[in-house]
Protein backbone atom coordinates (compact mmCIF):
# COMPACT_ATOMS: atom_id res chain seq x y z
CA MET A 1 -58.53 54.14 -27.65
CA ASP A 2 -58.02 55.64 -31.00
CA SER A 3 -56.41 58.64 -29.38
CA GLU A 4 -54.08 56.42 -27.39
CA GLU A 5 -53.08 54.52 -30.53
CA GLU A 6 -52.52 57.80 -32.35
CA LYS A 7 -50.33 59.00 -29.47
CA VAL A 8 -48.31 55.78 -29.57
CA LYS A 9 -47.93 56.04 -33.35
CA GLU A 10 -46.96 59.68 -33.06
CA GLU A 11 -44.40 58.90 -30.34
CA GLY A 12 -43.03 56.12 -32.58
CA ARG A 13 -42.68 58.55 -35.48
CA GLU A 14 -40.98 61.14 -33.27
CA GLU A 15 -38.62 58.48 -31.95
CA LYS A 16 -37.79 57.35 -35.51
CA GLU A 17 -37.23 60.97 -36.59
CA GLY A 18 -35.05 61.58 -33.52
CA THR A 19 -33.06 58.45 -34.25
CA ALA A 20 -32.69 59.50 -37.91
CA GLN A 21 -31.45 62.96 -36.83
CA VAL A 22 -28.96 61.45 -34.40
CA GLU A 23 -27.68 59.11 -37.14
CA ALA A 24 -27.37 62.05 -39.57
CA VAL A 25 -25.37 64.06 -37.03
CA GLU A 26 -23.14 61.06 -36.25
CA THR A 27 -22.56 60.56 -40.00
CA LEU A 28 -21.54 64.21 -40.38
CA THR A 29 -19.22 64.17 -37.37
CA LYS A 30 -17.71 60.76 -38.05
CA LYS A 31 -14.03 61.09 -38.99
CA THR A 32 -12.86 59.06 -41.92
CA PRO A 33 -9.23 58.22 -42.63
CA LEU A 34 -9.39 60.58 -45.62
CA ASP A 35 -10.40 63.50 -43.36
CA SER A 36 -7.48 62.81 -41.06
CA PHE A 37 -5.07 62.58 -44.02
CA ILE A 38 -6.30 65.88 -45.47
CA LYS A 39 -5.93 67.65 -42.13
CA PHE A 40 -2.45 66.16 -41.66
CA SER A 41 -1.41 67.13 -45.20
CA LEU A 42 -2.71 70.66 -44.70
CA GLY A 43 -0.80 70.99 -41.43
CA ILE A 44 2.42 69.73 -43.04
CA GLY A 45 1.93 72.10 -45.96
CA ILE A 46 1.45 75.11 -43.69
CA LEU A 47 4.50 74.08 -41.67
CA LEU A 48 6.68 73.79 -44.82
CA VAL A 49 5.57 77.17 -46.14
CA SER A 50 6.21 78.85 -42.80
CA LEU A 51 9.67 77.24 -42.53
CA SER A 52 10.53 78.34 -46.06
CA ILE A 53 9.52 81.92 -45.36
CA SER A 54 11.45 81.90 -42.10
CA TYR A 55 14.57 80.55 -43.80
CA TYR A 56 14.34 83.24 -46.49
CA PHE A 57 14.11 86.12 -44.01
CA LEU A 58 16.40 84.77 -41.27
CA PHE A 59 19.21 83.22 -43.34
CA PHE A 60 19.09 83.90 -47.08
CA LEU A 61 18.53 87.68 -47.12
CA PRO A 62 21.11 88.50 -44.43
CA ALA A 63 23.71 86.29 -46.14
CA ARG A 64 23.04 87.92 -49.49
CA GLU A 65 23.26 91.41 -47.97
CA LYS A 66 26.49 90.52 -46.19
CA ALA A 67 28.03 89.21 -49.44
CA ARG A 68 26.89 92.34 -51.29
CA THR A 69 28.42 94.57 -48.62
CA GLU A 70 31.71 92.67 -48.65
CA ASN A 71 31.93 92.80 -52.45
CA LEU A 72 31.16 96.52 -52.45
CA GLU A 73 33.84 97.17 -49.84
CA LYS A 74 36.39 95.19 -51.86
CA CYS A 75 35.48 97.05 -55.03
CA LEU A 76 35.76 100.45 -53.33
CA SER A 77 39.04 99.41 -51.71
CA VAL A 78 40.49 98.48 -55.12
CA VAL A 79 39.27 101.74 -56.65
CA ASN A 80 40.77 103.76 -53.78
CA SER A 81 44.06 101.87 -53.99
CA ASN A 82 44.25 102.43 -57.76
CA TYR A 83 43.49 106.13 -57.28
CA GLU A 84 46.28 106.51 -54.72
CA LYS A 85 48.73 104.60 -56.95
CA ALA A 86 47.81 106.73 -59.96
CA TRP A 87 48.21 109.91 -57.89
CA ASP A 88 51.62 108.80 -56.57
CA TYR A 89 52.69 107.72 -60.08
CA ASN A 90 51.89 111.18 -61.45
CA CYS A 91 53.77 112.79 -58.54
CA GLU A 92 56.77 110.58 -59.34
CA LYS A 93 56.58 111.54 -63.05
CA LEU A 94 56.78 115.20 -62.00
CA SER A 95 59.73 114.38 -59.67
CA ARG A 96 57.74 115.15 -56.54
CA ASN A 97 57.08 113.30 -53.27
CA ASP A 98 54.10 110.98 -52.77
CA ASN A 99 50.77 112.73 -52.11
CA CYS A 100 52.04 115.88 -53.79
CA THR A 101 49.94 118.65 -55.24
CA LEU A 102 49.32 117.86 -58.90
CA PRO A 103 48.56 120.36 -61.62
CA LEU A 104 44.84 121.11 -61.87
CA PRO A 105 44.14 119.27 -65.20
CA VAL A 106 45.89 116.10 -63.99
CA GLY A 107 44.26 116.19 -60.54
CA ASP A 108 40.80 116.83 -62.03
CA SER A 109 41.24 113.98 -64.47
CA LEU A 110 42.22 111.57 -61.69
CA ASP A 111 39.36 112.76 -59.48
CA ARG A 112 36.81 112.37 -62.29
CA TYR A 113 38.09 108.84 -63.03
CA TYR A 114 37.96 107.99 -59.30
CA ARG A 115 34.31 109.15 -59.03
CA GLU A 116 33.35 107.14 -62.15
CA GLN A 117 34.94 104.01 -60.76
CA LYS A 118 33.17 104.45 -57.39
CA GLU A 119 29.83 104.90 -59.20
CA ASP A 120 30.54 101.70 -61.14
CA CYS A 121 31.04 99.84 -57.86
CA PHE A 122 27.71 101.13 -56.54
CA LYS A 123 25.98 100.14 -59.78
CA LYS A 124 27.57 96.70 -59.72
CA TYR A 125 26.57 96.08 -56.10
CA PRO A 126 23.36 98.07 -55.55
CA GLY A 127 21.86 98.44 -52.09
CA LYS A 128 18.30 97.95 -50.92
CA LYS A 129 15.67 99.61 -52.99
């Protein structure tokens, strides 16, 4: 009988230990409102970061590049127009037709000034690095 009592006691202990383990697992897997809030907040945070990055690459950078290109084109257009006007003015001063052949010192001076102005446009509106 002692062995049967010991078996019953041992089974009771095993059952209590099993119940305690099940309760411990249930406690670990039980979702609290705080857990749900943290997961929700983390998901919203990841979504906001991904939307911000997408906006930057899909809208902001192309718009900035387009504006830079337009400004560079305007600057170069103004420089070219001024160069042609200066060339024609010097032709007129020498009593020649527009787009005439200018003396070498005058032509070189205008060309040098034109190149400097173009370089200034490229410095003012630099491209991708």
